[in-house]
Protein backbone atom coordinates (compact mmCIF):
# COMPACT_ATOMS: atom_id res chain seq x y z
CA MET A 1 177.11 232.98 182.17
CA LEU A 2 179.32 233.68 179.14
CA ASP A 3 181.35 230.56 179.87
CA LYS A 4 178.17 228.44 179.86
CA VAL A 5 177.03 229.93 176.53
CA GLN A 6 180.43 229.32 174.99
CA ALA A 7 180.51 225.77 176.32
CA ASP A 8 177.08 225.11 174.79
CA ARG A 9 178.20 226.53 171.44
CA LEU A 10 181.42 224.53 171.49
CA ALA A 11 179.33 221.38 172.05
CA LYS A 12 177.16 222.32 169.04
CA LEU A 13 180.34 222.95 167.03
CA GLU A 14 181.40 219.36 167.66
CA GLN A 15 177.94 218.05 166.73
CA VAL A 16 178.13 220.00 163.46
CA ARG A 17 181.43 218.28 162.67
CA GLN A 18 179.91 214.91 163.51
CA LEU A 19 177.29 215.57 160.82
CA GLY A 20 180.17 215.85 158.32
CA VAL A 21 179.65 219.61 157.95
CA ASP A 22 182.52 222.11 158.00
CA PRO A 23 181.44 224.69 160.61
CA TYR A 24 183.53 227.37 158.92
CA GLY A 25 182.27 226.93 155.40
CA GLY A 26 184.10 228.11 152.33
CA ARG A 27 183.55 229.88 149.07
CA TYR A 28 179.90 230.70 148.29
CA ASP A 29 179.40 232.56 145.02
CA THR A 30 175.68 232.38 144.34
CA ALA A 31 174.23 234.54 147.11
CA GLN A 32 172.34 237.66 146.05
CA PRO A 33 172.27 240.78 148.21
CA ILE A 34 169.22 240.53 150.44
CA ALA A 35 167.95 243.90 149.19
CA ASP A 36 168.03 242.50 145.63
CA VAL A 37 166.10 239.38 146.65
CA LEU A 38 163.39 241.52 148.25
CA ALA A 39 163.25 243.95 145.31
CA CYS A 40 163.04 241.12 142.77
CA TYR A 41 160.17 239.53 144.65
CA GLU A 42 158.27 242.81 144.98
CA ALA A 43 158.63 243.46 141.24
CA TRP A 44 157.69 239.87 140.33
CA GLU A 45 154.65 239.99 142.62
CA ALA A 46 153.54 243.32 141.18
CA ARG A 47 153.62 241.87 137.65
CA GLN A 48 151.21 239.16 138.81
CA GLY A 49 148.77 241.66 140.25
CA GLY A 50 149.83 241.40 143.88
CA ALA A 51 149.68 238.60 146.43
CA GLU A 52 146.23 237.47 145.34
CA GLY A 53 147.38 237.42 141.72
CA VAL A 54 150.38 235.25 142.64
CA LYS A 55 148.12 232.85 144.57
CA ALA A 56 145.70 232.54 141.65
CA ALA A 57 148.50 232.07 139.11
CA MET A 58 150.13 229.32 141.16
CA GLN A 59 146.82 227.41 141.45
CA PRO A 60 145.08 228.17 138.15
CA ALA A 61 141.75 226.63 137.27
CA GLU A 62 143.34 225.72 133.92
CA GLY A 63 146.67 226.09 132.21
CA GLU A 64 150.23 225.85 133.53
CA PRO A 65 150.78 227.03 137.11
CA LEU A 66 153.09 229.99 137.68
CA ARG A 67 156.64 228.93 138.44
CA PRO A 68 157.63 230.19 141.90
CA LEU A 69 160.44 232.69 142.27
CA SER A 70 163.64 231.34 143.79
CA GLY A 71 166.09 233.19 145.99
CA ASP A 72 169.63 232.66 147.28
CA ALA A 73 170.93 234.73 150.20
CA ALA A 74 173.63 234.67 152.85
CA GLY A 75 173.91 236.57 156.11
CA ARG A 76 174.19 236.52 159.89
CA ILE A 77 171.31 235.14 161.95
CA ILE A 78 169.95 238.01 164.07
CA LEU A 79 166.62 236.47 165.11
CA LEU A 80 165.85 232.80 165.69
CA ARG A 81 162.51 231.20 166.57
CA ASP A 82 162.50 227.41 166.86
CA MET A 83 158.87 226.31 166.75
CA GLY A 84 159.61 222.59 166.90
CA LYS A 85 158.78 221.41 163.41
CA MET A 86 159.66 224.73 161.82
CA ILE A 87 162.36 227.34 162.41
CA PHE A 88 161.95 230.97 161.45
CA ALA A 89 165.02 233.18 161.38
CA HIS A 90 166.05 236.61 160.18
CA ILE A 91 169.38 236.95 158.40
CA ARG A 92 171.17 240.24 157.73
CA ASP A 93 173.80 241.26 155.23
CA GLN A 94 175.21 244.66 154.33
CA SER A 95 172.18 245.50 152.18
CA GLY A 96 169.37 244.57 154.57
CA GLN A 97 167.62 241.71 156.33
CA MET A 98 164.89 239.18 155.57
CA GLN A 99 163.13 236.18 156.97
CA ILE A 100 164.02 232.60 156.17
CA CYS A 101 162.04 229.48 157.00
CA LEU A 102 163.71 226.13 157.79
CA ARG A 103 161.60 222.96 157.82
CA LYS A 104 162.21 219.30 157.34
CA ASP A 105 161.20 218.06 153.89
CA GLN A 106 157.68 216.58 154.10
CA GLY A 107 157.39 215.66 150.44
CA LYS A 108 155.22 218.60 149.41
CA GLU A 109 155.70 222.09 148.02
CA PRO A 110 157.45 224.15 148.99
CA ARG A 111 160.20 221.61 149.67
CA GLY A 112 162.11 221.67 152.93
CA LEU A 113 165.47 220.38 154.12
CA GLY A 114 166.80 216.86 154.01
CA GLU A 115 167.51 214.87 157.16
CA THR A 116 171.11 216.04 157.65
CA LEU A 117 170.40 219.70 156.94
CA TRP A 118 167.41 219.65 159.29
CA LYS A 119 169.69 218.34 162.06
CA LEU A 120 172.11 221.13 161.16
CA ALA A 121 169.31 223.70 161.39
CA LYS A 122 168.57 222.54 164.94
CA LEU A 123 172.18 223.37 165.90
CA LEU A 124 172.06 227.00 164.72
CA ASP A 125 172.53 229.93 167.08
CA LEU A 126 172.14 233.69 166.92
CA GLY A 127 175.22 235.12 165.25
CA ASP A 128 175.86 232.15 162.95
CA ILE A 129 176.46 233.00 159.31
CA VAL A 130 174.44 230.88 156.89
CA ALA A 131 173.35 230.71 153.28
CA VAL A 132 169.95 229.47 152.11
CA ARG A 133 168.34 228.81 148.77
CA GLY A 134 164.70 228.10 148.00
CA GLN A 135 161.32 229.49 147.01
CA VAL A 136 160.57 233.12 147.87
CA ILE A 137 157.06 233.47 149.26
CA ARG A 138 155.03 236.00 151.18
CA THR A 139 153.72 234.57 154.42
CA ARG A 140 150.23 235.10 155.77
CA THR A 141 151.63 237.90 157.95
CA GLY A 142 152.87 239.67 154.83
CA GLU A 143 156.61 239.00 155.27
CA VAL A 144 158.73 238.06 152.25
CA THR A 145 160.50 234.83 153.16
CA ILE A 146 162.92 232.32 151.63
CA TRP A 147 161.55 228.83 152.21
CA ALA A 148 164.86 227.00 152.30
CA ASP A 149 165.50 223.72 150.51
CA THR A 150 169.28 224.03 151.05
CA LEU A 151 171.18 225.29 154.07
CA THR A 152 174.91 226.03 154.17
CA LEU A 153 176.71 226.87 157.40
CA LEU A 154 179.38 229.44 156.57
CA CYS A 155 180.59 230.26 160.08
CA LYS A 156 179.65 229.02 163.55
CA SER A 157 179.63 231.85 166.08
CA LEU A 158 181.15 230.93 169.45
CA ASN A 159 180.43 234.20 171.25
CA PRO A 160 176.86 235.46 171.66
CA MET A 161 175.58 238.61 169.95
CA PRO A 162 174.69 241.65 172.07
CA GLU A 163 171.33 241.43 173.80
CA LYS A 164 168.74 241.49 171.05
CA TRP A 165 166.17 243.92 172.41
CA HIS A 166 168.49 246.75 173.37
CA GLY A 167 171.29 246.29 170.88
CA LEU A 168 174.73 247.49 171.89
CA THR A 169 174.20 250.67 173.89
CA ASP A 170 177.43 251.01 175.87
CA THR A 171 179.29 253.81 174.10
CA GLU A 172 182.79 252.69 175.06
CA THR A 173 182.14 249.14 173.84
CA ARG A 174 180.64 250.44 170.61
CA TYR A 175 183.83 252.32 169.79
CA ARG A 176 186.31 249.69 171.01
CA GLN A 177 184.52 246.75 169.43
CA ARG A 178 183.07 248.37 166.33
CA TYR A 179 182.35 244.94 164.82
CA LEU A 180 179.80 244.35 167.60
CA ASP A 181 178.31 247.80 167.02
CA LEU A 182 177.87 247.11 163.30
CA MET A 183 176.47 243.66 164.04
CA ALA A 184 173.95 244.79 166.64
CA ASN A 185 172.97 248.28 165.49
CA PRO A 186 171.75 248.61 161.88
CA ASP A 187 171.74 252.39 162.36
CA SER A 188 175.50 252.36 162.93
CA LEU A 189 176.05 250.30 159.79
CA LYS A 190 173.92 252.79 157.85
CA VAL A 191 176.11 255.68 159.04
CA PHE A 192 179.17 254.09 157.49
CA GLN A 193 177.29 253.14 154.34
CA ASP A 194 176.23 256.80 154.16
CA ARG A 195 179.86 257.82 154.67
CA ILE A 196 180.83 255.82 151.58
CA ALA A 197 177.99 257.40 149.61
CA ILE A 198 179.01 260.93 150.68
CA LEU A 199 182.64 260.38 149.67
CA ASP A 200 181.44 259.00 146.34
CA SER A 201 179.23 262.06 145.84
CA PHE A 202 182.19 264.35 146.47
CA ARG A 203 184.35 262.43 143.98
CA ARG A 204 181.66 262.65 141.31
CA VAL A 205 181.35 266.43 141.69
CA LEU A 206 185.11 266.90 141.51
CA THR A 207 185.46 264.61 138.49
CA ALA A 208 182.76 266.63 136.72
CA ARG A 209 184.84 269.72 137.49
CA GLN A 210 187.89 268.03 135.90
CA PHE A 211 189.82 267.52 139.12
CA VAL A 212 192.15 264.51 139.42
CA GLU A 213 192.72 262.53 142.61
CA VAL A 214 196.34 262.23 143.76
CA GLU A 215 198.34 260.86 146.71
CA THR A 216 200.97 262.74 148.68
CA PRO A 217 203.38 261.57 151.41
CA VAL A 218 202.10 260.68 154.86
CA LEU A 219 205.64 260.57 156.29
CA GLN A 220 207.21 264.01 155.85
CA PRO A 221 210.65 265.35 156.75
CA ILE A 222 209.13 268.80 157.37
CA TYR A 223 205.55 269.13 158.52
CA GLY A 224 203.52 272.10 157.40
CA GLY A 225 200.34 273.41 155.84
CA ALA A 226 198.62 273.97 159.20
CA ALA A 227 199.25 275.14 162.73
CA ALA A 228 199.34 271.90 164.70
CA ARG A 229 201.58 269.65 166.78
CA PRO A 230 202.72 266.58 164.78
CA PHE A 231 203.33 262.98 165.69
CA THR A 232 207.05 262.27 165.42
CA THR A 233 208.81 259.05 164.45
CA HIS A 234 212.31 257.90 163.46
CA HIS A 235 213.39 256.27 160.24
CA ASN A 236 216.13 253.78 161.06
CA THR A 237 217.70 253.41 157.62
CA LEU A 238 217.94 257.14 156.95
CA ASP A 239 218.60 257.84 160.64
CA CYS A 240 216.35 260.88 160.59
CA GLU A 241 213.26 262.27 162.27
CA LEU A 242 210.02 262.13 160.30
CA PHE A 243 206.53 263.45 160.96
CA LEU A 244 203.06 262.14 160.23
CA ARG A 245 201.48 264.80 158.05
CA ILE A 246 199.27 267.41 159.58
CA SER A 247 198.16 268.58 156.11
CA PRO A 248 198.86 267.67 152.45
CA GLU A 249 198.83 271.36 151.43
CA LEU A 250 202.45 272.05 150.56
CA TYR A 251 202.80 268.87 148.48
CA LEU A 252 199.59 269.54 146.54
CA LYS A 253 200.82 273.04 145.74
CA ARG A 254 204.05 271.56 144.38
CA LEU A 255 201.84 269.74 141.86
CA LEU A 256 200.45 273.10 140.68
CA VAL A 257 204.04 274.23 140.14
CA GLY A 258 204.59 271.07 138.10
CA GLY A 259 201.66 271.88 135.79
CA MET A 260 198.74 269.89 137.27
CA GLN A 261 195.92 272.42 137.40
CA ARG A 262 193.14 270.77 139.42
CA VAL A 263 194.13 268.27 142.08
CA TYR A 264 192.54 266.83 145.22
CA GLU A 265 193.25 264.25 147.89
CA PHE A 266 191.20 262.57 150.58
CA SER A 267 194.06 262.55 153.06
CA ARG A 268 194.43 260.93 156.45
CA ASN A 269 195.97 263.58 158.67
CA PHE A 270 197.43 263.28 162.15
CA ARG A 271 197.59 265.99 164.80
CA ASN A 272 198.95 265.32 168.27
CA GLU A 273 196.22 267.25 170.01
CA GLY A 274 193.14 266.79 172.17
CA ILE A 275 190.21 264.43 171.76
CA ASP A 276 186.59 265.51 172.06
CA THR A 277 183.26 265.22 170.22
CA ARG A 278 184.65 267.20 167.27
CA HIS A 279 188.32 266.20 167.29
CA ASN A 280 190.14 262.93 166.70
CA PRO A 281 193.94 262.83 166.34
CA GLU A 282 193.52 260.90 163.07
CA PHE A 283 190.98 262.35 160.67
CA THR A 284 190.04 262.64 156.99
CA LEU A 285 190.52 265.88 155.12
CA LEU A 286 189.52 266.67 151.55
CA GLU A 287 192.04 269.13 150.22
CA LEU A 288 191.94 270.52 146.68
CA TYR A 289 193.65 273.19 144.58
CA GLN A 290 192.58 274.85 141.36
CA ALA A 291 194.93 276.96 139.28
CA TYR A 292 193.73 280.39 138.18
CA ALA A 293 190.97 280.39 140.82
CA ASP A 294 190.50 282.22 144.14
CA TYR A 295 188.63 281.80 147.40
CA GLU A 296 185.35 282.90 145.78
CA VAL A 297 185.56 279.87 143.47
CA MET A 298 186.28 277.73 146.54
CA MET A 299 183.01 278.97 148.07
CA GLU A 300 181.12 277.79 145.00
CA ILE A 301 182.82 274.39 145.14
CA THR A 302 182.12 274.04 148.88
CA GLU A 303 178.43 274.76 148.33
CA GLU A 304 178.18 272.30 145.45
CA LEU A 305 180.04 269.49 147.21
CA ILE A 306 178.10 269.62 150.47
CA THR A 307 174.69 270.45 148.99
CA THR A 308 174.92 267.66 146.41
CA ALA A 309 175.73 265.16 149.15
CA ALA A 310 172.91 266.57 151.32
CA LYS A 311 170.45 266.05 148.46
CA LYS A 312 171.63 262.45 148.17
CA MET A 313 170.95 261.92 151.88
CA LEU A 314 167.58 263.65 151.53
CA GLU A 315 166.52 261.35 148.71
CA ALA A 316 167.41 258.37 150.89
CA ALA A 317 165.44 259.94 153.73
CA LYS A 318 162.44 260.30 151.42
CA ASP A 319 162.56 256.56 150.70
CA ASP A 320 162.70 255.92 154.44
CA LEU A 321 159.74 258.20 154.98
CA LEU A 322 157.68 256.25 152.46
CA LYS A 323 158.30 253.16 154.57
CA ARG A 324 157.15 255.04 157.63
CA ARG A 325 154.00 256.09 155.81
CA THR A 326 153.35 252.39 155.17
CA ILE A 327 153.46 251.89 158.94
CA LYS A 328 150.96 254.69 159.33
CA THR A 329 148.70 253.02 156.79
CA LEU A 330 148.89 249.79 158.76
CA ALA A 331 148.01 251.68 161.91
CA GLN A 332 144.84 252.88 160.25
CA GLY A 333 143.89 249.29 159.63
CA LEU A 334 143.99 249.58 155.85
CA VAL A 335 145.21 247.00 153.36
CA SER A 336 148.93 247.40 152.69
CA LEU A 337 151.79 245.32 151.32
CA ASN A 338 149.28 243.14 149.47
CA LEU A 339 148.14 241.46 152.65
CA THR A 340 145.61 239.25 150.84
CA ASN A 341 143.00 242.05 150.94
CA ARG A 342 142.01 241.40 154.50
CA GLN A 343 141.61 243.81 157.40
CA LEU A 344 144.25 243.69 160.07
CA SER A 345 143.36 242.20 163.41
CA ASP A 346 142.95 244.44 166.44
CA LYS A 347 146.27 243.17 167.81
CA GLN A 348 148.09 243.94 164.53
CA GLN A 349 146.56 247.41 164.46
CA GLU A 350 147.65 248.06 168.05
CA LYS A 351 151.19 246.91 167.28
CA ALA A 352 151.44 249.03 164.14
CA THR A 353 149.99 252.07 165.87
CA ALA A 354 152.46 251.75 168.73
CA LYS A 355 155.30 251.52 166.23
CA HIS A 356 154.11 254.63 164.43
CA GLU A 357 153.56 256.60 167.61
CA GLY A 358 157.03 255.55 168.78
CA MET A 359 158.67 257.61 166.05
CA SER A 360 161.16 260.05 167.50
CA GLU A 361 161.14 263.81 167.17
CA ALA A 362 164.00 263.43 164.71
CA ASP A 363 161.82 261.14 162.58
CA HIS A 364 159.10 263.75 162.39
CA LEU A 365 161.74 266.39 161.66
CA LEU A 366 162.85 264.21 158.78
CA ALA A 367 159.35 264.36 157.36
CA GLU A 368 159.43 268.16 157.54
CA CYS A 369 162.71 268.18 155.60
CA VAL A 370 161.26 265.97 152.88
CA GLU A 371 158.29 268.32 152.58
CA LEU A 372 160.73 271.23 152.21
CA MET A 373 162.38 269.35 149.33
CA ASP A 374 159.14 269.69 147.36
CA ALA A 375 159.45 273.46 147.89
CA GLY A 376 162.93 273.46 146.38
CA ARG A 377 164.91 273.57 149.62
CA THR A 378 167.56 271.17 150.86
CA ALA A 379 167.42 270.63 154.62
CA LEU A 380 168.38 267.77 156.94
CA PRO A 381 167.70 267.17 160.64
CA TYR A 382 170.46 267.97 163.11
CA GLY A 383 169.72 266.85 166.63
CA SER A 384 166.13 266.10 167.61
CA LYS A 385 164.69 269.60 167.16
CA ASN A 386 166.76 271.57 164.65
CA LYS A 387 167.52 271.28 160.96
CA VAL A 388 170.29 272.59 158.72
CA ASP A 389 169.11 274.36 155.57
CA PHE A 390 171.78 273.77 152.91
CA THR A 391 169.88 275.62 150.17
CA THR A 392 172.30 277.77 148.20
CA PRO A 393 173.56 280.46 148.15
CA TRP A 394 174.90 280.39 151.69
CA PRO A 395 175.29 283.61 153.68
CA ARG A 396 178.65 285.39 153.47
CA ARG A 397 179.86 287.48 156.40
CA THR A 398 183.17 289.16 157.06
CA TYR A 399 185.18 288.26 160.13
CA ASP A 400 185.14 291.88 161.26
CA SER A 401 181.37 292.36 160.86
CA LEU A 402 180.75 289.31 163.05
CA MET A 403 183.16 290.65 165.68
CA VAL A 404 181.25 293.93 165.71
CA GLN A 405 177.86 292.16 165.90
CA HIS A 406 178.64 289.64 168.62
CA ALA A 407 181.68 291.00 170.51
CA GLY A 408 180.83 294.66 170.21
CA MET A 409 184.09 295.87 168.66
CA SER A 410 186.09 295.75 165.43
CA MET A 411 188.91 293.27 165.15
CA LYS A 412 191.18 296.28 164.49
CA ASP A 413 190.32 297.90 167.84
CA ILE A 414 193.06 296.04 169.67
CA PRO A 415 192.68 297.75 173.10
CA ALA A 416 188.95 296.88 173.12
CA VAL A 417 189.67 293.31 171.99
CA ARG A 418 192.27 292.81 174.73
CA ALA A 419 189.83 294.21 177.30
CA LYS A 420 187.18 291.76 176.07
CA ALA A 421 189.70 288.93 176.34
CA ARG A 422 190.44 289.80 179.96
CA GLN A 423 186.70 289.97 180.64
CA LEU A 424 186.34 286.47 179.19
CA GLY A 425 189.25 285.13 181.25
CA ILE A 426 191.57 284.76 178.26
CA GLU A 427 195.26 285.25 179.01
CA GLU A 428 196.37 287.90 176.51
CA SER A 429 199.41 289.70 177.87
CA ASN A 430 202.05 287.57 176.14
CA LYS A 431 200.22 286.92 172.88
CA ASP A 432 200.27 288.59 169.49
CA ASP A 433 197.34 290.89 168.66
CA ALA A 434 195.95 288.60 165.93
CA VAL A 435 196.03 285.57 168.23
CA VAL A 436 194.07 287.43 170.91
CA VAL A 437 191.55 288.62 168.33
CA ASN A 438 191.01 285.04 167.16
CA GLU A 439 190.62 283.68 170.69
CA VAL A 440 187.91 286.27 171.36
CA PHE A 441 186.29 285.32 168.03
CA GLU A 442 186.29 281.64 169.02
CA ALA A 443 184.86 282.40 172.46
CA VAL A 444 182.09 284.79 171.41
CA VAL A 445 181.32 284.55 167.70
CA GLU A 446 181.57 280.82 167.03
CA PRO A 447 178.97 279.88 169.71
CA ALA A 448 176.61 282.44 168.12
CA LEU A 449 177.00 280.67 164.78
CA ALA A 450 175.74 277.48 166.44
CA ARG A 451 172.42 279.00 167.52
CA PRO A 452 169.39 278.22 165.32
CA ASP A 453 166.81 280.83 164.42
CA GLU A 454 163.34 281.00 165.97
CA ASN A 455 162.17 278.20 163.63
CA GLY A 456 164.97 275.83 164.66
CA VAL A 457 166.83 276.39 161.36
CA LEU A 458 170.62 276.56 161.08
CA ARG A 459 172.30 278.01 158.00
CA PRO A 460 175.85 277.42 156.79
CA VAL A 461 177.82 280.64 156.77
CA PHE A 462 181.07 281.65 155.07
CA VAL A 463 183.21 283.77 157.39
CA MET A 464 185.51 285.80 155.12
CA ASP A 465 188.60 287.99 155.33
CA TYR A 466 190.63 286.88 158.34
CA PRO A 467 193.47 288.78 160.06
CA ALA A 468 196.47 288.30 157.79
CA GLU A 469 198.84 287.41 160.64
CA LEU A 470 196.89 284.17 161.13
CA CYS A 471 197.33 283.10 157.52
CA PRO A 472 200.99 282.77 156.45
CA LEU A 473 200.08 280.84 153.26
CA THR A 474 197.37 283.22 152.07
CA ARG A 475 197.24 286.09 149.58
CA ARG A 476 196.49 289.50 151.13
CA LYS A 477 193.79 291.94 150.07
CA ALA A 478 195.24 294.42 147.58
CA ASP A 479 193.72 297.46 149.29
CA ASP A 480 194.27 296.23 152.87
CA PRO A 481 197.30 293.99 153.49
CA SER A 482 196.11 293.36 157.06
CA ILE A 483 193.30 291.18 155.64
CA ALA A 484 193.88 287.69 154.23
CA LEU A 485 191.70 286.38 151.39
CA ARG A 486 190.55 283.43 153.44
CA PHE A 487 187.22 281.97 154.50
CA GLU A 488 186.08 279.37 156.96
CA CYS A 489 182.70 277.70 156.54
CA PHE A 490 180.74 277.13 159.75
CA ILE A 491 177.74 274.83 159.97
CA ALA A 492 175.94 274.31 163.29
CA GLY A 493 178.87 276.04 164.98
CA MET A 494 181.46 273.66 163.52
CA GLU A 495 184.23 274.77 161.21
CA VAL A 496 183.90 272.36 158.28
CA ALA A 497 185.91 274.09 155.55
CA ASN A 498 188.89 276.42 155.26
CA ALA A 499 189.97 278.07 152.01
CA TYR A 500 192.44 280.62 150.65
CA SER A 501 193.33 282.63 147.66
CA GLU A 502 196.78 281.07 147.66
CA LEU A 503 199.98 283.04 148.13
CA ASN A 504 202.33 282.43 145.19
CA ASP A 505 204.94 285.17 145.75
CA PRO A 506 208.10 283.30 146.87
CA ALA A 507 209.66 286.31 148.59
CA VAL A 508 206.55 287.01 150.67
CA GLN A 509 206.14 283.32 151.43
CA GLU A 510 209.71 283.06 152.61
CA ALA A 511 209.26 286.11 154.85
CA ASN A 512 206.02 284.63 156.28
CA PHE A 513 207.72 281.34 156.99
CA ALA A 514 210.51 283.19 158.76
CA GLU A 515 208.06 285.10 160.96
CA GLN A 516 205.37 282.37 161.25
CA VAL A 517 202.47 282.90 163.62
CA ARG A 518 203.72 284.66 166.72
CA GLY A 519 202.31 284.41 170.21
CA GLU A 520 201.84 280.64 170.42
CA ALA A 521 203.93 278.09 172.24
CA GLU A 522 206.61 276.23 170.32
CA GLY A 523 205.16 273.09 168.85
CA GLU A 524 201.74 274.65 168.30
CA THR A 525 202.54 276.14 164.93
CA MET A 526 204.55 275.74 161.72
CA ARG A 527 207.98 276.63 163.06
CA VAL A 528 210.26 275.08 160.45
CA MET A 529 211.30 276.76 157.23
CA ASP A 530 210.35 274.61 154.21
CA GLU A 531 213.15 275.64 151.88
CA ASP A 532 212.12 273.17 149.18
CA PHE A 533 208.62 274.61 148.99
CA VAL A 534 210.01 278.14 148.64
CA THR A 535 212.31 276.83 145.90
CA ALA A 536 209.27 275.33 144.16
CA LEU A 537 207.50 278.71 144.30
CA ARG A 538 210.51 280.37 142.69
CA HIS A 539 209.88 278.19 139.64
CA GLY A 540 206.42 279.76 139.47
CA MET A 541 203.05 278.63 140.85
CA PRO A 542 199.96 279.98 139.10
CA PRO A 543 197.44 282.00 141.10
CA ALA A 544 195.16 279.43 142.73
CA GLY A 545 192.38 278.76 145.16
CA GLY A 546 192.77 276.09 147.80
CA LEU A 547 190.16 274.38 149.95
CA GLY A 548 190.20 271.95 152.86
CA ILE A 549 187.01 270.24 154.08
CA GLY A 550 186.88 268.20 157.28
CA MET A 551 185.06 265.14 155.98
CA ASP A 552 184.34 263.62 159.38
CA ARG A 553 182.50 266.76 160.48
CA VAL A 554 180.58 266.99 157.22
CA ILE A 555 179.51 263.37 157.64
CA MET A 556 178.43 264.16 161.23
CA LEU A 557 176.16 266.88 159.87
CA LEU A 558 174.71 264.85 157.01
CA THR A 559 174.03 261.75 159.13
CA ASN A 560 172.79 263.67 162.20
CA ARG A 561 175.55 262.63 164.59
CA THR A 562 176.90 264.86 167.35
CA SER A 563 180.14 262.97 168.03
CA ILE A 564 182.99 262.51 165.58
CA ARG A 565 183.55 259.03 167.03
CA ASP A 566 180.20 257.95 165.61
CA VAL A 567 181.43 258.49 162.04
CA ILE A 568 184.99 257.12 162.35
CA LEU A 569 185.11 253.34 162.25
CA PHE A 570 187.95 253.00 164.74
CA PRO A 571 188.41 256.23 166.74
CA LEU A 572 191.45 256.63 168.94
CA LEU A 573 190.76 255.56 172.54
CA ARG A 574 192.77 255.36 175.70
CA PRO A 575 194.37 251.88 175.91
CA LEU A 576 192.75 249.55 178.45
């Protein structure tokens, strides 16, 4: 079947060339974003008093007729209806989609296409990329349309698009051939547009806080800053082993030593570990450091960064909801979108009603979140039934209090913790106390943090004051050296942020490096002494707070996605 389609398209490709048209186009500078064309028309129409006002102004009883609005747009054909003497199509670009109308010039307004361009129009297929220019009108069905008087073929598509009614639903294909996913599923494209917007929001907050963005090495002679297994490579010229970074931490701290006081990096990190819905071996981490701060300041920054981005997503959701309310209005059979002040037909009402009633539970949840915004709260849907309430301040709980609440013992009651581990089937006999404590925490406490309340509401929570043995780069509590001044932020059961009051004592740091984290297999932790970093600390690093935020997980939360692969353009997959 595919061979036949390709053969047909190759034949059309040759016919296009016979018309003297380059099927692969060239530079085209004049196209406006489709969203801008639509917005310009809506504003222009409103100034005329709506569709009826435009009609009256274009055919006045006296005086000069209104000059029609012109539009110029380019995009991929995603819908094509050849009606013989007229072709309707929908084109899509990054900003949106709209209808175009192609018709042979019949010597009356609005003008159509000349002979050659009409022949070209008859050779178009779904997936072709075209540009059109002409009058922008609203059709009798209420759809804003470019009535083309020029047509430019920018690229002839030889392979068909995914089946139009169902989009691209095969998960494996969506990830392996992301270009098809973006082409067929507007929702997927929106996720990555949202990702850009979220990163931009983060940058704006940090700039306002006087942070500067920097870049640190991806290839490192000594990996560190986290407990993880690295990817290893070999540099031929230097004849030495290098590692893809697992964290930018130790290099960013060197910048504090050098006198830069507020630095951050959106770093691509690489950890040679498992793959699941929350882990990808290549991921994006926001890491930042502020001199003269501590982990309490990092909590404030975490709240501001994520809540500001959530508000941005909520405002976009509100705009979407307004569109959905328009659908509801149509379903009620009322005049909307300036549809020439006429009642909708029974068929149109039935179609609109079906569309409205087909809204998902998540859509209705979105409406609830928008209503909460009017009450001063910031919440977004997560899943089809729950929502995350990002309204600040976020709850703060100590690691030990959560152990007591959910595991039934203090983290300092080591015999009870080891007994609990055995009960849970956790091998504990050859592991350090702190490692066993943390494995029990992960098995019992973290799932509890993922459970919503009776109203389906999830709250972010800062888990504070970790066992010091787990945190070799962290300052200890002055009155209890067994506690590290560290927090992790959990949202919907996912760890999304990790922060310290940074250790700046070179002697203690050197001793921690020498001991490392005991009780884990070699290769699972930072096992190499970073002498240069210790040397840097001896020159003096100011007290500081440090924060790492897993951007992919944050984007999952803010775009209501449950798999990390949905928010990474090209996730790592097993080779075919």
